[in-house]
Amino acid sequence: MKIAVTSQNHKTITKHAGRCRNFWVFTIENKQIVDRQLLELPKEQCFHDSPGHATHPLDNVDVLISAEMGQGLVRRLAEKDILGLVTTQTDPETAVTLYLQDALPTVAPEDHSHGHHHEH
């Protein structure tokens, strides 16, 4: 299992999952973290700027955790069998550990509109 966490600053779980370009990707085996790699994407590969149907470097993760994401991104992830979660937890490794224990505090995704349409 792989779990990605938004971390634009490489330290904490950050907001704006659609614009985030830096992710900690945790590899999980037997409900334990066995590896952690930083994935740094170019701007054109952030979710907001990339087409939803195209392949994406995070297509191989099972869960994406962020401090904020919209319902559109949650749906886009679900189409690729990725669970999108919004949490109040701020530490990436703690969030993953809590998720593995079914104890991650989550909140509803943002119901927001950008005021424009995407041509993805």
PDB file of N, CA and C in Angstrom:
ATOM      1  N   MET A   1       0.841  -1.168   0.000  1.00  0.00           N
ATOM      2  CA  MET A   1       0.000   0.000   0.000  1.00  0.00           C
ATOM      3  C   MET A   1       0.891   1.238   0.000  1.00  0.00           C
ATOM      4  N   LYS A   2       0.420   2.273  -0.681  1.00  0.00           N
ATOM      5  CA  LYS A   2       1.137   3.554  -0.694  1.00  0.00           C
ATOM      6  C   LYS A   2       0.175   4.662  -0.273  1.00  0.00           C
ATOM      7  N   ILE A   3       0.680   5.562   0.566  1.00  0.00           N
ATOM      8  CA  ILE A   3      -0.099   6.699   1.043  1.00  0.00           C
ATOM      9  C   ILE A   3       0.689   7.967   0.747  1.00  0.00           C
ATOM     10  N   ALA A   4       0.084   8.896   0.026  1.00  0.00           N
ATOM     11  CA  ALA A   4       0.717  10.179  -0.277  1.00  0.00           C
ATOM     12  C   ALA A   4       0.143  11.254   0.640  1.00  0.00           C
ATOM     13  N   VAL A   5       1.005  12.185   1.040  1.00  0.00           N
ATOM     14  CA  VAL A   5       0.601  13.276   1.924  1.00  0.00           C
ATOM     15  C   VAL A   5       1.103  14.587   1.324  1.00  0.00           C
ATOM     16  N   THR A   6       0.209  15.574   1.197  1.00  0.00           N
ATOM     17  CA  THR A   6       0.628  16.873   0.677  1.00  0.00           C
ATOM     18  C   THR A   6       1.565  17.542   1.672  1.00  0.00           C
ATOM     19  N   SER A   7       2.702  18.019   1.167  1.00  0.00           N
ATOM     20  CA  SER A   7       3.667  18.684   2.048  1.00  0.00           C
ATOM     21  C   SER A   7       4.526  19.633   1.230  1.00  0.00           C
ATOM     22  N   GLN A   8       3.927  20.743   0.855  1.00  0.00           N
ATOM     23  CA  GLN A   8       4.624  21.707   0.015  1.00  0.00           C
ATOM     24  C   GLN A   8       5.922  22.183   0.678  1.00  0.00           C
ATOM     25  N   ASN A   9       5.913  22.285   2.005  1.00  0.00           N
ATOM     26  CA  ASN A   9       7.097  22.782   2.731  1.00  0.00           C
ATOM     27  C   ASN A   9       8.013  21.650   3.215  1.00  0.00           C
ATOM     28  N   HIS A  10       7.693  20.411   2.856  1.00  0.00           N
ATOM     29  CA  HIS A  10       8.474  19.213   3.216  1.00  0.00           C
ATOM     30  C   HIS A  10       8.424  18.884   4.700  1.00  0.00           C
ATOM     31  N   LYS A  11       7.633  19.613   5.486  1.00  0.00           N
ATOM     32  CA  LYS A  11       7.607  19.415   6.936  1.00  0.00           C
ATOM     33  C   LYS A  11       6.230  19.065   7.474  1.00  0.00           C
ATOM     34  N   THR A  12       5.225  19.801   7.040  1.00  0.00           N
ATOM     35  CA  THR A  12       3.873  19.617   7.569  1.00  0.00           C
ATOM     36  C   THR A  12       2.905  19.258   6.450  1.00  0.00           C
ATOM     37  N   ILE A  13       1.720  18.796   6.842  1.00  0.00           N
ATOM     38  CA  ILE A  13       0.659  18.546   5.869  1.00  0.00           C
ATOM     39  C   ILE A  13       0.112  19.904   5.463  1.00  0.00           C
ATOM     40  N   THR A  14       0.136  20.178   4.181  1.00  0.00           N
ATOM     41  CA  THR A  14      -0.253  21.498   3.703  1.00  0.00           C
ATOM     42  C   THR A  14      -1.596  21.463   2.985  1.00  0.00           C
ATOM     43  N   LYS A  15      -2.180  22.640   2.818  1.00  0.00           N
ATOM     44  CA  LYS A  15      -3.475  22.813   2.156  1.00  0.00           C
ATOM     45  C   LYS A  15      -3.293  22.836   0.649  1.00  0.00           C
ATOM     46  N   HIS A  16      -4.410  23.053  -0.036  1.00  0.00           N
ATOM     47  CA  HIS A  16      -4.433  23.217  -1.491  1.00  0.00           C
ATOM     48  C   HIS A  16      -3.854  22.004  -2.211  1.00  0.00           C
ATOM     49  N   ALA A  17      -4.431  20.835  -1.965  1.00  0.00           N
ATOM     50  CA  ALA A  17      -3.955  19.598  -2.588  1.00  0.00           C
ATOM     51  C   ALA A  17      -3.887  19.715  -4.109  1.00  0.00           C
ATOM     52  N   GLY A  18      -4.826  20.445  -4.701  1.00  0.00           N
ATOM     53  CA  GLY A  18      -4.843  20.578  -6.151  1.00  0.00           C
ATOM     54  C   GLY A  18      -3.665  21.341  -6.712  1.00  0.00           C
ATOM     55  N   ARG A  19      -3.080  22.212  -5.911  1.00  0.00           N
ATOM     56  CA  ARG A  19      -1.935  23.004  -6.360  1.00  0.00           C
ATOM     57  C   ARG A  19      -0.608  22.505  -5.791  1.00  0.00           C
ATOM     58  N   CYS A  20      -0.665  21.548  -4.889  1.00  0.00           N
ATOM     59  CA  CYS A  20       0.543  21.043  -4.242  1.00  0.00           C
ATOM     60  C   CYS A  20       1.440  20.329  -5.253  1.00  0.00           C
ATOM     61  N   ARG A  21       2.742  20.521  -5.108  1.00  0.00           N
ATOM     62  CA  ARG A  21       3.710  19.863  -5.990  1.00  0.00           C
ATOM     63  C   ARG A  21       4.670  18.960  -5.229  1.00  0.00           C
ATOM     64  N   ASN A  22       4.591  18.965  -3.898  1.00  0.00           N
ATOM     65  CA  ASN A  22       5.486  18.148  -3.081  1.00  0.00           C
ATOM     66  C   ASN A  22       4.666  17.218  -2.191  1.00  0.00           C
ATOM     67  N   PHE A  23       4.983  15.948  -2.262  1.00  0.00           N
ATOM     68  CA  PHE A  23       4.230  14.923  -1.541  1.00  0.00           C
ATOM     69  C   PHE A  23       5.196  13.951  -0.881  1.00  0.00           C
ATOM     70  N   TRP A  24       4.920  13.606   0.361  1.00  0.00           N
ATOM     71  CA  TRP A  24       5.600  12.473   0.979  1.00  0.00           C
ATOM     72  C   TRP A  24       4.816  11.243   0.576  1.00  0.00           C
ATOM     73  N   VAL A  25       5.506  10.250   0.046  1.00  0.00           N
ATOM     74  CA  VAL A  25       4.864   8.998  -0.339  1.00  0.00           C
ATOM     75  C   VAL A  25       5.399   7.902   0.584  1.00  0.00           C
ATOM     76  N   PHE A  26       4.500   7.356   1.372  1.00  0.00           N
ATOM     77  CA  PHE A  26       4.844   6.329   2.355  1.00  0.00           C
ATOM     78  C   PHE A  26       4.487   4.955   1.788  1.00  0.00           C
ATOM     79  N   THR A  27       5.410   4.028   1.907  1.00  0.00           N
ATOM     80  CA  THR A  27       5.142   2.641   1.537  1.00  0.00           C
ATOM     81  C   THR A  27       4.802   1.882   2.814  1.00  0.00           C
ATOM     82  N   ILE A  28       3.697   1.149   2.769  1.00  0.00           N
ATOM     83  CA  ILE A  28       3.177   0.455   3.947  1.00  0.00           C
ATOM     84  C   ILE A  28       3.207  -1.047   3.702  1.00  0.00           C
ATOM     85  N   GLU A  29       3.699  -1.774   4.671  1.00  0.00           N
ATOM     86  CA  GLU A  29       3.627  -3.233   4.650  1.00  0.00           C
ATOM     87  C   GLU A  29       3.220  -3.693   6.045  1.00  0.00           C
ATOM     88  N   ASN A  30       2.223  -4.557   6.105  1.00  0.00           N
ATOM     89  CA  ASN A  30       1.723  -5.069   7.395  1.00  0.00           C
ATOM     90  C   ASN A  30       1.385  -3.941   8.374  1.00  0.00           C
ATOM     91  N   LYS A  31       0.716  -2.908   7.834  1.00  0.00           N
ATOM     92  CA  LYS A  31       0.292  -1.746   8.644  1.00  0.00           C
ATOM     93  C   LYS A  31       1.452  -1.000   9.302  1.00  0.00           C
ATOM     94  N   GLN A  32       2.647  -1.104   8.700  1.00  0.00           N
ATOM     95  CA  GLN A  32       3.827  -0.394   9.196  1.00  0.00           C
ATOM     96  C   GLN A  32       4.453   0.407   8.058  1.00  0.00           C
ATOM     97  N   ILE A  33       4.994   1.577   8.386  1.00  0.00           N
ATOM     98  CA  ILE A  33       5.715   2.380   7.396  1.00  0.00           C
ATOM     99  C   ILE A  33       7.086   1.731   7.176  1.00  0.00           C
ATOM    100  N   VAL A  34       7.366   1.366   5.927  1.00  0.00           N
ATOM    101  CA  VAL A  34       8.663   0.757   5.623  1.00  0.00           C
ATOM    102  C   VAL A  34       9.543   1.662   4.763  1.00  0.00           C
ATOM    103  N   ASP A  35       8.950   2.711   4.176  1.00  0.00           N
ATOM    104  CA  ASP A  35       9.727   3.640   3.355  1.00  0.00           C
ATOM    105  C   ASP A  35       8.973   4.953   3.251  1.00  0.00           C
ATOM    106  N   ARG A  36       9.742   6.028   3.036  1.00  0.00           N
ATOM    107  CA  ARG A  36       9.159   7.360   2.860  1.00  0.00           C
ATOM    108  C   ARG A  36      10.027   8.094   1.850  1.00  0.00           C
ATOM    109  N   GLN A  37       9.403   8.535   0.761  1.00  0.00           N
ATOM    110  CA  GLN A  37      10.121   9.242  -0.305  1.00  0.00           C
ATOM    111  C   GLN A  37       9.419  10.568  -0.589  1.00  0.00           C
ATOM    112  N   LEU A  38      10.204  11.595  -0.882  1.00  0.00           N
ATOM    113  CA  LEU A  38       9.631  12.880  -1.279  1.00  0.00           C
ATOM    114  C   LEU A  38       9.462  12.891  -2.791  1.00  0.00           C
ATOM    115  N   LEU A  39       8.251  13.161  -3.242  1.00  0.00           N
ATOM    116  CA  LEU A  39       7.957  13.286  -4.664  1.00  0.00           C
ATOM    117  C   LEU A  39       7.754  14.763  -4.964  1.00  0.00           C
ATOM    118  N   GLU A  40       8.581  15.306  -5.835  1.00  0.00           N
ATOM    119  CA  GLU A  40       8.483  16.713  -6.221  1.00  0.00           C
ATOM    120  C   GLU A  40       8.061  16.772  -7.687  1.00  0.00           C
ATOM    121  N   LEU A  41       6.908  17.384  -7.941  1.00  0.00           N
ATOM    122  CA  LEU A  41       6.350  17.448  -9.287  1.00  0.00           C
ATOM    123  C   LEU A  41       6.574  18.808  -9.919  1.00  0.00           C
ATOM    124  N   PRO A  42       6.723  18.869 -11.247  1.00  0.00           N
ATOM    125  CA  PRO A  42       6.733  20.167 -11.924  1.00  0.00           C
ATOM    126  C   PRO A  42       5.333  20.770 -11.888  1.00  0.00           C
ATOM    127  N   LYS A  43       5.229  22.069 -12.045  1.00  0.00           N
ATOM    128  CA  LYS A  43       3.942  22.770 -11.944  1.00  0.00           C
ATOM    129  C   LYS A  43       2.867  22.149 -12.829  1.00  0.00           C
ATOM    130  N   GLU A  44       3.237  21.743 -14.035  1.00  0.00           N
ATOM    131  CA  GLU A  44       2.228  21.212 -14.958  1.00  0.00           C
ATOM    132  C   GLU A  44       1.670  19.850 -14.521  1.00  0.00           C
ATOM    133  N   GLN A  45       2.265  19.237 -13.500  1.00  0.00           N
ATOM    134  CA  GLN A  45       1.747  17.968 -13.014  1.00  0.00           C
ATOM    135  C   GLN A  45       0.961  18.097 -11.712  1.00  0.00           C
ATOM    136  N   CYS A  46       0.799  19.324 -11.199  1.00  0.00           N
ATOM    137  CA  CYS A  46      -0.083  19.465 -10.037  1.00  0.00           C
ATOM    138  C   CYS A  46      -1.496  19.129 -10.521  1.00  0.00           C
ATOM    139  N   PHE A  47      -2.332  18.654  -9.624  1.00  0.00           N
ATOM    140  CA  PHE A  47      -3.668  18.197 -10.026  1.00  0.00           C
ATOM    141  C   PHE A  47      -4.458  19.294 -10.723  1.00  0.00           C
ATOM    142  N   HIS A  48      -4.320  20.530 -10.272  1.00  0.00           N
ATOM    143  CA  HIS A  48      -5.089  21.636 -10.842  1.00  0.00           C
ATOM    144  C   HIS A  48      -4.726  21.885 -12.300  1.00  0.00           C
ATOM    145  N   ASP A  49      -3.466  21.648 -12.665  1.00  0.00           N
ATOM    146  CA  ASP A  49      -3.002  21.967 -14.013  1.00  0.00           C
ATOM    147  C   ASP A  49      -2.874  20.756 -14.930  1.00  0.00           C
ATOM    148  N   SER A  50      -3.190  19.563 -14.447  1.00  0.00           N
ATOM    149  CA  SER A  50      -3.050  18.370 -15.286  1.00  0.00           C
ATOM    150  C   SER A  50      -4.434  17.792 -15.592  1.00  0.00           C
ATOM    151  N   PRO A  51      -4.594  17.198 -16.778  1.00  0.00           N
ATOM    152  CA  PRO A  51      -5.890  16.623 -17.133  1.00  0.00           C
ATOM    153  C   PRO A  51      -6.207  15.405 -16.274  1.00  0.00           C
ATOM    154  N   GLY A  52      -7.451  15.301 -15.840  1.00  0.00           N
ATOM    155  CA  GLY A  52      -7.865  14.227 -14.947  1.00  0.00           C
ATOM    156  C   GLY A  52      -7.745  12.835 -15.531  1.00  0.00           C
ATOM    157  N   HIS A  53      -7.910  12.713 -16.843  1.00  0.00           N
ATOM    158  CA  HIS A  53      -7.879  11.393 -17.476  1.00  0.00           C
ATOM    159  C   HIS A  53      -6.453  10.925 -17.787  1.00  0.00           C
ATOM    160  N   ALA A  54      -5.485  11.833 -17.741  1.00  0.00           N
ATOM    161  CA  ALA A  54      -4.099  11.483 -18.075  1.00  0.00           C
ATOM    162  C   ALA A  54      -3.436  10.713 -16.927  1.00  0.00           C
ATOM    163  N   THR A  55      -2.402   9.971 -17.257  1.00  0.00           N
ATOM    164  CA  THR A  55      -1.655   9.301 -16.197  1.00  0.00           C
ATOM    165  C   THR A  55      -0.966  10.350 -15.343  1.00  0.00           C
ATOM    166  N   HIS A  56      -0.789  10.023 -14.068  1.00  0.00           N
ATOM    167  CA  HIS A  56      -0.222  10.969 -13.110  1.00  0.00           C
ATOM    168  C   HIS A  56       0.771  10.226 -12.222  1.00  0.00           C
ATOM    169  N   PRO A  57       1.828  10.894 -11.771  1.00  0.00           N
ATOM    170  CA  PRO A  57       2.816  10.224 -10.916  1.00  0.00           C
ATOM    171  C   PRO A  57       2.241   9.648  -9.617  1.00  0.00           C
ATOM    172  N   LEU A  58       1.079  10.124  -9.192  1.00  0.00           N
ATOM    173  CA  LEU A  58       0.478   9.604  -7.963  1.00  0.00           C
ATOM    174  C   LEU A  58      -0.604   8.548  -8.227  1.00  0.00           C
ATOM    175  N   ASP A  59      -0.712   8.094  -9.456  1.00  0.00           N
ATOM    176  CA  ASP A  59      -1.725   7.081  -9.782  1.00  0.00           C
ATOM    177  C   ASP A  59      -1.525   5.770  -9.023  1.00  0.00           C
ATOM    178  N   ASN A  60      -0.315   5.524  -8.532  1.00  0.00           N
ATOM    179  CA  ASN A  60      -0.046   4.249  -7.856  1.00  0.00           C
ATOM    180  C   ASN A  60      -0.279   4.296  -6.352  1.00  0.00           C
ATOM    181  N   VAL A  61      -0.781   5.429  -5.825  1.00  0.00           N
ATOM    182  CA  VAL A  61      -1.051   5.487  -4.389  1.00  0.00           C
ATOM    183  C   VAL A  61      -2.482   5.019  -4.120  1.00  0.00           C
ATOM    184  N   ASP A  62      -2.711   4.592  -2.888  1.00  0.00           N
ATOM    185  CA  ASP A  62      -4.036   4.123  -2.489  1.00  0.00           C
ATOM    186  C   ASP A  62      -4.823   5.198  -1.746  1.00  0.00           C
ATOM    187  N   VAL A  63      -4.085   6.103  -1.077  1.00  0.00           N
ATOM    188  CA  VAL A  63      -4.694   7.145  -0.257  1.00  0.00           C
ATOM    189  C   VAL A  63      -3.908   8.432  -0.460  1.00  0.00           C
ATOM    190  N   LEU A  64      -4.615   9.560  -0.519  1.00  0.00           N
ATOM    191  CA  LEU A  64      -3.982  10.884  -0.532  1.00  0.00           C
ATOM    192  C   LEU A  64      -4.552  11.664   0.643  1.00  0.00           C
ATOM    193  N   ILE A  65      -3.666  12.121   1.517  1.00  0.00           N
ATOM    194  CA  ILE A  65      -4.062  12.879   2.705  1.00  0.00           C
ATOM    195  C   ILE A  65      -3.597  14.317   2.531  1.00  0.00           C
ATOM    196  N   SER A  66      -4.476  15.265   2.844  1.00  0.00           N
ATOM    197  CA  SER A  66      -4.145  16.682   2.738  1.00  0.00           C
ATOM    198  C   SER A  66      -4.863  17.459   3.836  1.00  0.00           C
ATOM    199  N   ALA A  67      -4.431  18.694   4.048  1.00  0.00           N
ATOM    200  CA  ALA A  67      -5.110  19.575   4.992  1.00  0.00           C
ATOM    201  C   ALA A  67      -6.315  20.247   4.342  1.00  0.00           C
ATOM    202  N   GLU A  68      -6.416  20.141   3.009  1.00  0.00           N
ATOM    203  CA  GLU A  68      -7.551  20.746   2.300  1.00  0.00           C
ATOM    204  C   GLU A  68      -7.586  20.218   0.877  1.00  0.00           C
ATOM    205  N   MET A  69      -8.766  19.845   0.425  1.00  0.00           N
ATOM    206  CA  MET A  69      -8.974  19.520  -0.986  1.00  0.00           C
ATOM    207  C   MET A  69     -10.452  19.675  -1.299  1.00  0.00           C
ATOM    208  N   GLY A  70     -10.722  19.991  -2.536  1.00  0.00           N
ATOM    209  CA  GLY A  70     -12.104  20.165  -2.951  1.00  0.00           C
ATOM    210  C   GLY A  70     -12.756  18.852  -3.316  1.00  0.00           C
ATOM    211  N   GLN A  71     -14.084  18.883  -3.393  1.00  0.00           N
ATOM    212  CA  GLN A  71     -14.830  17.682  -3.746  1.00  0.00           C
ATOM    213  C   GLN A  71     -14.513  17.205  -5.154  1.00  0.00           C
ATOM    214  N   GLY A  72     -14.160  18.129  -6.033  1.00  0.00           N
ATOM    215  CA  GLY A  72     -13.785  17.745  -7.397  1.00  0.00           C
ATOM    216  C   GLY A  72     -12.550  16.869  -7.409  1.00  0.00           C
ATOM    217  N   LEU A  73     -11.561  17.208  -6.609  1.00  0.00           N
ATOM    218  CA  LEU A  73     -10.354  16.392  -6.539  1.00  0.00           C
ATOM    219  C   LEU A  73     -10.654  15.053  -5.881  1.00  0.00           C
ATOM    220  N   VAL A  74     -11.509  15.056  -4.868  1.00  0.00           N
ATOM    221  CA  VAL A  74     -11.898  13.793  -4.226  1.00  0.00           C
ATOM    222  C   VAL A  74     -12.525  12.857  -5.261  1.00  0.00           C
ATOM    223  N   ARG A  75     -13.393  13.402  -6.118  1.00  0.00           N
ATOM    224  CA  ARG A  75     -14.028  12.596  -7.173  1.00  0.00           C
ATOM    225  C   ARG A  75     -12.993  12.113  -8.195  1.00  0.00           C
ATOM    226  N   ARG A  76     -12.104  13.004  -8.578  1.00  0.00           N
ATOM    227  CA  ARG A  76     -11.058  12.649  -9.549  1.00  0.00           C
ATOM    228  C   ARG A  76     -10.191  11.511  -9.014  1.00  0.00           C
ATOM    229  N   LEU A  77      -9.809  11.597  -7.756  1.00  0.00           N
ATOM    230  CA  LEU A  77      -9.014  10.538  -7.139  1.00  0.00           C
ATOM    231  C   LEU A  77      -9.808   9.233  -7.089  1.00  0.00           C
ATOM    232  N   ALA A  78     -11.082   9.319  -6.716  1.00  0.00           N
ATOM    233  CA  ALA A  78     -11.922   8.130  -6.610  1.00  0.00           C
ATOM    234  C   ALA A  78     -12.032   7.402  -7.954  1.00  0.00           C
ATOM    235  N   GLU A  79     -12.032   8.162  -9.047  1.00  0.00           N
ATOM    236  CA  GLU A  79     -12.086   7.549 -10.371  1.00  0.00           C
ATOM    237  C   GLU A  79     -10.856   6.688 -10.636  1.00  0.00           C
ATOM    238  N   LYS A  80      -9.769   6.957  -9.914  1.00  0.00           N
ATOM    239  CA  LYS A  80      -8.537   6.163 -10.053  1.00  0.00           C
ATOM    240  C   LYS A  80      -8.338   5.247  -8.846  1.00  0.00           C
ATOM    241  N   ASP A  81      -9.418   5.021  -8.101  1.00  0.00           N
ATOM    242  CA  ASP A  81      -9.402   4.153  -6.910  1.00  0.00           C
ATOM    243  C   ASP A  81      -8.436   4.647  -5.838  1.00  0.00           C
ATOM    244  N   ILE A  82      -8.361   5.967  -5.681  1.00  0.00           N
ATOM    245  CA  ILE A  82      -7.542   6.586  -4.641  1.00  0.00           C
ATOM    246  C   ILE A  82      -8.496   7.263  -3.656  1.00  0.00           C
ATOM    247  N   LEU A  83      -8.316   6.992  -2.384  1.00  0.00           N
ATOM    248  CA  LEU A  83      -9.135   7.602  -1.344  1.00  0.00           C
ATOM    249  C   LEU A  83      -8.528   8.960  -0.981  1.00  0.00           C
ATOM    250  N   GLY A  84      -9.287  10.032  -1.144  1.00  0.00           N
ATOM    251  CA  GLY A  84      -8.837  11.375  -0.768  1.00  0.00           C
ATOM    252  C   GLY A  84      -9.377  11.742   0.605  1.00  0.00           C
ATOM    253  N   LEU A  85      -8.481  12.096   1.521  1.00  0.00           N
ATOM    254  CA  LEU A  85      -8.883  12.440   2.885  1.00  0.00           C
ATOM    255  C   LEU A  85      -8.347  13.805   3.279  1.00  0.00           C
ATOM    256  N   VAL A  86      -9.167  14.551   4.005  1.00  0.00           N
ATOM    257  CA  VAL A  86      -8.768  15.847   4.553  1.00  0.00           C
ATOM    258  C   VAL A  86      -8.656  15.675   6.063  1.00  0.00           C
ATOM    259  N   THR A  87      -7.529  16.113   6.619  1.00  0.00           N
ATOM    260  CA  THR A  87      -7.310  15.929   8.046  1.00  0.00           C
ATOM    261  C   THR A  87      -6.908  17.234   8.729  1.00  0.00           C
ATOM    262  N   THR A  88      -7.103  17.245  10.025  1.00  0.00           N
ATOM    263  CA  THR A  88      -6.635  18.362  10.850  1.00  0.00           C
ATOM    264  C   THR A  88      -5.258  18.069  11.419  1.00  0.00           C
ATOM    265  N   GLN A  89      -4.775  16.844  11.257  1.00  0.00           N
ATOM    266  CA  GLN A  89      -3.434  16.472  11.705  1.00  0.00           C
ATOM    267  C   GLN A  89      -2.408  17.238  10.867  1.00  0.00           C
ATOM    268  N   THR A  90      -1.301  17.652  11.468  1.00  0.00           N
ATOM    269  CA  THR A  90      -0.328  18.459  10.731  1.00  0.00           C
ATOM    270  C   THR A  90       0.969  17.724  10.405  1.00  0.00           C
ATOM    271  N   ASP A  91       1.264  16.626  11.103  1.00  0.00           N
ATOM    272  CA  ASP A  91       2.504  15.899  10.865  1.00  0.00           C
ATOM    273  C   ASP A  91       2.257  14.734   9.903  1.00  0.00           C
ATOM    274  N   PRO A  92       2.982  14.671   8.774  1.00  0.00           N
ATOM    275  CA  PRO A  92       2.732  13.629   7.787  1.00  0.00           C
ATOM    276  C   PRO A  92       2.842  12.198   8.337  1.00  0.00           C
ATOM    277  N   GLU A  93       3.921  11.897   9.034  1.00  0.00           N
ATOM    278  CA  GLU A  93       4.104  10.531   9.524  1.00  0.00           C
ATOM    279  C   GLU A  93       3.061  10.160  10.577  1.00  0.00           C
ATOM    280  N   THR A  94       2.727  11.105  11.444  1.00  0.00           N
ATOM    281  CA  THR A  94       1.690  10.859  12.443  1.00  0.00           C
ATOM    282  C   THR A  94       0.350  10.600  11.763  1.00  0.00           C
ATOM    283  N   ALA A  95       0.045  11.369  10.723  1.00  0.00           N
ATOM    284  CA  ALA A  95      -1.215  11.178   9.999  1.00  0.00           C
ATOM    285  C   ALA A  95      -1.301   9.783   9.393  1.00  0.00           C
ATOM    286  N   VAL A  96      -0.212   9.333   8.793  1.00  0.00           N
ATOM    287  CA  VAL A  96      -0.205   8.003   8.188  1.00  0.00           C
ATOM    288  C   VAL A  96      -0.374   6.934   9.262  1.00  0.00           C
ATOM    289  N   THR A  97       0.345   7.082  10.364  1.00  0.00           N
ATOM    290  CA  THR A  97       0.234   6.128  11.469  1.00  0.00           C
ATOM    291  C   THR A  97      -1.196   6.082  12.004  1.00  0.00           C
ATOM    292  N   LEU A  98      -1.804   7.250  12.182  1.00  0.00           N
ATOM    293  CA  LEU A  98      -3.189   7.295  12.660  1.00  0.00           C
ATOM    294  C   LEU A  98      -4.148   6.671  11.645  1.00  0.00           C
ATOM    295  N   TYR A  99      -3.910   6.925  10.364  1.00  0.00           N
ATOM    296  CA  TYR A  99      -4.753   6.312   9.332  1.00  0.00           C
ATOM    297  C   TYR A  99      -4.679   4.789   9.423  1.00  0.00           C
ATOM    298  N   LEU A 100      -3.485   4.269   9.607  1.00  0.00           N
ATOM    299  CA  LEU A 100      -3.300   2.819   9.692  1.00  0.00           C
ATOM    300  C   LEU A 100      -3.970   2.229  10.938  1.00  0.00           C
ATOM    301  N   GLN A 101      -4.192   3.066  11.945  1.00  0.00           N
ATOM    302  CA  GLN A 101      -4.864   2.643  13.176  1.00  0.00           C
ATOM    303  C   GLN A 101      -6.361   2.969  13.143  1.00  0.00           C
ATOM    304  N   ASP A 102      -6.859   3.420  11.986  1.00  0.00           N
ATOM    305  CA  ASP A 102      -8.253   3.863  11.842  1.00  0.00           C
ATOM    306  C   ASP A 102      -8.594   4.969  12.833  1.00  0.00           C
ATOM    307  N   ALA A 103      -7.627   5.851  13.093  1.00  0.00           N
ATOM    308  CA  ALA A 103      -7.826   6.907  14.089  1.00  0.00           C
ATOM    309  C   ALA A 103      -7.501   8.304  13.544  1.00  0.00           C
ATOM    310  N   LEU A 104      -7.368   8.450  12.224  1.00  0.00           N
ATOM    311  CA  LEU A 104      -7.027   9.755  11.645  1.00  0.00           C
ATOM    312  C   LEU A 104      -8.221  10.700  11.737  1.00  0.00           C
ATOM    313  N   PRO A 105      -8.046  11.876  12.373  1.00  0.00           N
ATOM    314  CA  PRO A 105      -9.147  12.848  12.401  1.00  0.00           C
ATOM    315  C   PRO A 105      -9.336  13.449  11.001  1.00  0.00           C
ATOM    316  N   THR A 106     -10.552  13.329  10.473  1.00  0.00           N
ATOM    317  CA  THR A 106     -10.819  13.853   9.133  1.00  0.00           C
ATOM    318  C   THR A 106     -11.959  14.865   9.172  1.00  0.00           C
ATOM    319  N   VAL A 107     -11.979  15.710   8.155  1.00  0.00           N
ATOM    320  CA  VAL A 107     -13.054  16.686   7.967  1.00  0.00           C
ATOM    321  C   VAL A 107     -13.556  16.549   6.530  1.00  0.00           C
ATOM    322  N   ALA A 108     -14.717  17.102   6.260  1.00  0.00           N
ATOM    323  CA  ALA A 108     -15.296  17.019   4.920  1.00  0.00           C
ATOM    324  C   ALA A 108     -14.473  17.827   3.925  1.00  0.00           C
ATOM    325  N   PRO A 109     -14.394  17.363   2.677  1.00  0.00           N
ATOM    326  CA  PRO A 109     -13.714  18.144   1.643  1.00  0.00           C
ATOM    327  C   PRO A 109     -14.412  19.483   1.433  1.00  0.00           C
ATOM    328  N   GLU A 110     -13.666  20.433   0.918  1.00  0.00           N
ATOM    329  CA  GLU A 110     -14.215  21.756   0.625  1.00  0.00           C
ATOM    330  C   GLU A 110     -15.268  21.659  -0.472  1.00  0.00           C
ATOM    331  N   ASP A 111     -16.351  22.387  -0.307  1.00  0.00           N
ATOM    332  CA  ASP A 111     -17.361  22.504  -1.350  1.00  0.00           C
ATOM    333  C   ASP A 111     -17.196  23.897  -1.932  1.00  0.00           C
ATOM    334  N   HIS A 112     -16.190  24.030  -2.790  1.00  0.00           N
ATOM    335  CA  HIS A 112     -15.908  25.362  -3.312  1.00  0.00           C
ATOM    336  C   HIS A 112     -15.943  25.376  -4.827  1.00  0.00           C
ATOM    337  N   SER A 113     -16.110  26.563  -5.329  1.00  0.00           N
ATOM    338  CA  SER A 113     -16.103  26.770  -6.773  1.00  0.00           C
ATOM    339  C   SER A 113     -15.025  27.791  -7.081  1.00  0.00           C
ATOM    340  N   HIS A 114     -14.245  27.505  -8.102  1.00  0.00           N
ATOM    341  CA  HIS A 114     -13.192  28.445  -8.499  1.00  0.00           C
ATOM    342  C   HIS A 114     -13.744  29.602  -9.321  1.00  0.00           C
ATOM    343  N   GLY A 115     -14.994  29.487  -9.755  1.00  0.00           N
ATOM    344  CA  GLY A 115     -15.570  30.547 -10.569  1.00  0.00           C
ATOM    345  C   GLY A 115     -15.162  30.428 -12.031  1.00  0.00           C
ATOM    346  N   HIS A 116     -14.562  29.294 -12.379  1.00  0.00           N
ATOM    347  CA  HIS A 116     -14.212  29.078 -13.784  1.00  0.00           C
ATOM    348  C   HIS A 116     -14.301  27.580 -14.071  1.00  0.00           C
ATOM    349  N   HIS A 117     -14.280  27.257 -15.352  1.00  0.00           N
ATOM    350  CA  HIS A 117     -14.415  25.869 -15.750  1.00  0.00           C
ATOM    351  C   HIS A 117     -13.070  25.348 -16.209  1.00  0.00           C
ATOM    352  N   HIS A 118     -12.836  24.076 -15.975  1.00  0.00           N
ATOM    353  CA  HIS A 118     -11.599  23.431 -16.418  1.00  0.00           C
ATOM    354  C   HIS A 118     -11.862  22.713 -17.726  1.00  0.00           C
ATOM    355  N   GLU A 119     -10.907  22.732 -18.588  1.00  0.00           N
ATOM    356  CA  GLU A 119     -11.019  22.034 -19.875  1.00  0.00           C
ATOM    357  C   GLU A 119     -10.175  20.780 -19.849  1.00  0.00           C
ATOM    358  N   HIS A 120     -10.273  20.015 -18.754  1.00  0.00           N
ATOM    359  CA  HIS A 120      -9.442  18.811 -18.617  1.00  0.00           C
ATOM    360  C   HIS A 120     -10.158  17.631 -19.196  1.00  0.00           C
TER     361      HIS A 120
END
